[in-house]
Amino acid sequence: MDEKKHRLLTSTPPGTAPSATSGTAPSKGPEDPAPASAREAGDPAPASAREAGDPAPASAREADDPAPASGKGRKPMSTLGMGWRIAVTAVALIILTAGQFLNTNDFFPLGSLTQYATAKDLNGEVNSTCIAAQFPGEDEPRRLAFNTATVGIERGDVESQLQRVIDNPELLQTLADSYIRLHPGQPEPEKMILCRDTTQLSNGRSVGEPVTRTLAEWEVR
């Protein structure tokens, strides 16, 4: 009976360290499942914490990145870039202003804008510039279409510098040369005639037949 009590008193319960006075060596039993399960249960927490914690700094970094990137993209304009933009604008304004004072379309599309800025008198006159040519064997001058396909220039381009052409009728030689070049194999004009048709208006409607007047003539060479 005493021996059985001695064994019960000296036996070490599982998971407890042996007492210093027992003198018996600790038994090598199976590891305590509690710490193992604690470790297994505890491992996912740091892992999930790291997995759950990663997106926040990443998203924070991604949210913070665009500001410096966009800031780097907005570079100040260089002196050269600003200089040529100012120069081009100044030249365009100078040409446009010169076109208004000279009343010319030589600098198209920066020519005169008077044709858009003036109103017509409903009881006034309408003037239209025309071009005619005298051909060999014909009694009367023939009216020509006033466009680039016929004489190499549009009517508006001549009207914008009409007085210059009237003062220098030799400029009509250019129209004759263009006609000859554009109509190969056809009779060549002997004389070029710059004319004007004037139509009278009454309440905005034309009255009677247009009156034609010769402005300049040139013998083709």
Protein backbone atom coordinates (compact mmCIF):
# COMPACT_ATOMS: atom_id res chain seq x y z
CA MET A 1 0.00 0.00 0.00
CA ASP A 2 2.84 2.37 0.84
CA GLU A 3 4.61 1.52 -2.36
CA LYS A 4 1.53 2.31 -4.47
CA LYS A 5 1.18 5.71 -2.77
CA HIS A 6 4.86 6.39 -3.39
CA ARG A 7 4.45 5.79 -7.12
CA LEU A 8 1.41 8.05 -7.30
CA LEU A 9 3.17 10.83 -5.43
CA THR A 10 6.37 10.66 -7.41
CA SER A 11 4.78 10.37 -10.89
CA THR A 12 4.89 13.56 -12.95
CA PRO A 13 1.63 14.66 -14.48
CA PRO A 14 1.73 15.29 -18.23
CA GLY A 15 2.85 18.78 -19.18
CA THR A 16 4.35 19.66 -15.73
CA ALA A 17 8.04 20.09 -15.03
CA PRO A 18 9.60 17.66 -12.51
CA SER A 19 10.23 19.06 -9.07
CA ALA A 20 13.74 19.76 -7.99
CA THR A 21 13.42 17.32 -5.08
CA SER A 22 11.88 14.46 -6.92
CA GLY A 23 15.18 13.29 -8.36
CA THR A 24 13.48 11.61 -11.23
CA ALA A 25 14.29 12.46 -14.85
CA PRO A 26 11.56 14.03 -16.89
CA SER A 27 9.72 11.63 -19.05
CA LYS A 28 9.88 12.19 -22.78
CA GLY A 29 6.23 11.99 -23.63
CA PRO A 30 4.39 13.45 -26.62
CA GLU A 31 4.54 17.22 -27.00
CA ASP A 32 1.75 19.15 -25.47
CA PRO A 33 -0.89 19.73 -28.21
CA ALA A 34 -1.95 23.01 -26.64
CA PRO A 35 1.18 24.97 -27.56
CA ALA A 36 1.21 23.32 -30.99
CA SER A 37 -2.41 24.19 -31.60
CA ALA A 38 -1.75 27.62 -30.21
CA ARG A 39 1.09 28.02 -32.64
CA GLU A 40 -1.02 26.66 -35.51
CA ALA A 41 -3.91 28.86 -34.52
CA GLY A 42 -1.60 31.79 -33.96
CA ASP A 43 0.31 31.52 -37.26
CA PRO A 44 -2.57 32.56 -39.57
CA ALA A 45 -3.13 35.72 -37.59
CA PRO A 46 0.25 37.27 -38.38
CA ALA A 47 0.03 35.91 -41.94
CA SER A 48 -3.48 37.28 -42.45
CA ALA A 49 -2.43 40.42 -40.69
CA ARG A 50 0.43 40.81 -43.14
CA GLU A 51 -1.83 39.91 -46.09
CA ALA A 52 -4.57 42.27 -44.89
CA GLY A 53 -2.07 44.93 -43.96
CA ASP A 54 -0.20 44.95 -47.28
CA PRO A 55 -2.94 46.55 -49.49
CA ALA A 56 -3.29 49.58 -47.26
CA PRO A 57 0.34 50.74 -47.61
CA ALA A 58 0.33 49.70 -51.30
CA SER A 59 -2.84 51.63 -52.01
CA ALA A 60 -1.51 54.50 -49.98
CA ARG A 61 1.66 54.47 -52.06
CA GLU A 62 -0.39 54.18 -55.28
CA ALA A 63 -2.63 57.04 -54.17
CA ASP A 64 0.41 59.14 -53.33
CA ASP A 65 2.32 58.33 -56.55
CA PRO A 66 0.15 60.24 -59.11
CA ALA A 67 0.73 63.60 -57.47
CA PRO A 68 4.52 63.61 -57.98
CA ALA A 69 4.09 62.01 -61.45
CA SER A 70 1.62 64.65 -62.59
CA GLY A 71 3.76 67.30 -61.00
CA LYS A 72 6.75 66.16 -63.03
CA GLY A 73 4.62 66.24 -66.23
CA ARG A 74 3.79 69.93 -65.84
CA LYS A 75 7.10 71.38 -66.88
CA PRO A 76 7.29 75.14 -67.25
CA MET A 77 7.41 76.43 -70.83
CA SER A 78 10.92 77.14 -72.00
CA THR A 79 12.02 80.60 -73.04
CA LEU A 80 12.46 79.42 -76.63
CA GLY A 81 8.96 77.89 -76.78
CA MET A 82 7.36 81.02 -75.35
CA GLY A 83 9.43 83.25 -77.64
CA TRP A 84 8.42 81.65 -80.95
CA ARG A 85 4.74 81.57 -79.95
CA ILE A 86 4.80 85.29 -79.20
CA ALA A 87 6.69 85.98 -82.44
CA VAL A 88 4.21 84.05 -84.62
CA THR A 89 1.25 85.81 -82.97
CA ALA A 90 2.85 89.21 -83.47
CA VAL A 91 3.60 88.54 -87.15
CA ALA A 92 0.02 87.36 -87.77
CA LEU A 93 -1.39 90.53 -86.16
CA ILE A 94 0.94 92.73 -88.21
CA ILE A 95 -0.07 91.03 -91.48
CA LEU A 96 -3.77 91.22 -90.60
CA THR A 97 -3.48 94.91 -89.74
CA ALA A 98 -1.54 95.65 -92.95
CA GLY A 99 -4.23 93.86 -94.98
CA GLN A 100 -6.89 96.15 -93.54
CA PHE A 101 -4.99 99.36 -94.32
CA LEU A 102 -3.94 98.22 -97.81
CA ASN A 103 -7.35 96.64 -98.53
CA THR A 104 -5.71 93.62 -100.14
CA ASN A 105 -6.04 89.86 -100.03
CA ASP A 106 -2.43 89.23 -101.02
CA PHE A 107 -1.81 87.88 -97.53
CA PHE A 108 -4.80 85.49 -97.54
CA PRO A 109 -6.16 84.25 -95.16
CA LEU A 110 -5.00 87.34 -93.27
CA GLY A 111 -6.25 89.81 -95.87
CA SER A 112 -8.85 92.54 -95.85
CA LEU A 113 -12.07 91.90 -93.92
CA THR A 114 -14.01 94.88 -95.33
CA GLN A 115 -16.22 92.63 -97.44
CA TYR A 116 -17.67 91.23 -94.21
CA ALA A 117 -17.80 94.50 -92.26
CA THR A 118 -19.90 96.75 -94.54
CA ALA A 119 -23.61 96.69 -95.30
CA LYS A 120 -25.12 97.30 -98.72
CA ASP A 121 -27.58 100.06 -99.49
CA LEU A 122 -30.84 98.45 -100.60
CA ASN A 123 -31.26 101.28 -103.11
CA GLY A 124 -27.62 101.51 -104.12
CA GLU A 125 -25.51 99.81 -106.74
CA VAL A 126 -23.84 96.44 -106.98
CA ASN A 127 -20.52 96.31 -108.84
CA SER A 128 -19.05 93.11 -110.20
CA THR A 129 -15.66 92.96 -111.91
CA CYS A 130 -15.49 90.98 -115.15
CA ILE A 131 -12.86 89.92 -117.65
CA ALA A 132 -13.20 89.66 -121.44
CA ALA A 133 -10.87 88.79 -124.30
CA GLN A 134 -10.75 89.68 -127.97
CA PHE A 135 -9.99 86.62 -130.10
CA PRO A 136 -8.82 86.53 -133.73
CA GLY A 137 -11.68 86.57 -136.27
CA GLU A 138 -14.31 87.62 -133.71
CA ASP A 139 -16.07 90.98 -133.90
CA GLU A 140 -16.93 91.34 -130.22
CA PRO A 141 -14.91 90.53 -127.09
CA ARG A 142 -15.86 87.31 -125.44
CA ARG A 143 -16.70 87.27 -121.76
CA LEU A 144 -14.54 84.79 -119.81
CA ALA A 145 -15.22 83.07 -116.54
CA PHE A 146 -13.30 84.88 -113.83
CA ASN A 147 -11.76 81.93 -111.93
CA THR A 148 -8.56 79.95 -111.60
CA ALA A 149 -9.66 77.33 -114.13
CA THR A 150 -10.02 79.95 -116.88
CA VAL A 151 -7.57 82.80 -116.25
CA GLY A 152 -5.58 81.42 -113.31
CA ILE A 153 -6.96 83.80 -110.67
CA GLU A 154 -10.17 84.38 -108.75
CA ARG A 155 -12.22 87.54 -109.26
CA GLY A 156 -11.97 88.50 -105.60
CA ASP A 157 -8.17 88.52 -105.82
CA VAL A 158 -8.33 91.09 -108.61
CA GLU A 159 -11.07 93.16 -106.98
CA SER A 160 -9.00 93.48 -103.81
CA GLN A 161 -6.31 95.31 -105.83
CA LEU A 162 -8.46 96.71 -108.59
CA GLN A 163 -6.98 100.19 -108.65
CA ARG A 164 -3.50 98.75 -108.97
CA VAL A 165 -4.53 96.75 -112.06
CA ILE A 166 -6.26 99.81 -113.56
CA ASP A 167 -3.11 101.88 -113.05
CA ASN A 168 -0.91 99.08 -114.45
CA PRO A 169 -2.88 97.35 -117.23
CA GLU A 170 0.21 95.33 -118.18
CA LEU A 171 -0.75 93.07 -115.26
CA LEU A 172 -3.48 91.70 -117.55
CA GLN A 173 -0.72 89.94 -119.48
CA THR A 174 -0.53 87.44 -116.62
CA LEU A 175 -4.21 86.57 -117.13
CA ALA A 176 -3.63 86.11 -120.86
CA ASP A 177 -0.63 83.84 -120.25
CA SER A 178 -2.66 81.78 -117.78
CA TYR A 179 -5.52 81.42 -120.27
CA ILE A 180 -3.14 80.23 -123.00
CA ARG A 181 -1.51 77.73 -120.63
CA LEU A 182 -4.85 76.39 -119.38
CA HIS A 183 -6.38 76.09 -122.88
CA PRO A 184 -3.76 74.51 -125.12
CA GLY A 185 -4.72 74.13 -128.77
CA GLN A 186 -7.39 76.87 -128.58
CA PRO A 187 -7.23 80.35 -130.12
CA GLU A 188 -5.10 82.76 -128.15
CA PRO A 189 -6.53 86.13 -127.07
CA GLU A 190 -5.26 89.27 -128.76
CA LYS A 191 -6.54 91.69 -126.13
CA MET A 192 -7.52 91.38 -122.51
CA ILE A 193 -10.24 93.66 -121.18
CA LEU A 194 -10.96 94.33 -117.52
CA CYS A 195 -14.55 95.48 -117.09
CA ARG A 196 -17.19 96.14 -114.45
CA ASP A 197 -20.91 95.36 -114.39
CA THR A 198 -23.03 97.79 -112.37
CA THR A 199 -26.52 96.78 -111.29
CA GLN A 200 -28.99 99.26 -109.79
CA LEU A 201 -30.98 98.16 -106.74
CA SER A 202 -34.44 99.20 -105.58
CA ASN A 203 -35.50 97.87 -102.16
CA GLY A 204 -32.83 95.25 -102.51
CA ARG A 205 -33.95 94.06 -105.97
CA SER A 206 -32.15 94.62 -109.26
CA VAL A 207 -33.71 97.15 -111.65
CA GLY A 208 -33.05 97.04 -115.40
CA GLU A 209 -30.04 95.54 -117.13
CA PRO A 210 -26.49 95.79 -115.76
CA VAL A 211 -24.33 98.53 -117.26
CA THR A 212 -20.88 97.38 -118.38
CA ARG A 213 -17.91 99.71 -118.29
CA THR A 214 -14.34 99.08 -119.42
CA LEU A 215 -11.74 99.65 -116.71
CA ALA A 216 -8.53 98.65 -118.47
CA GLU A 217 -7.29 97.08 -121.72
CA TRP A 218 -4.10 95.35 -122.70
CA GLU A 219 -2.74 94.15 -126.05
CA VAL A 220 -1.47 90.64 -125.51
CA ARG A 221 2.18 90.12 -126.38
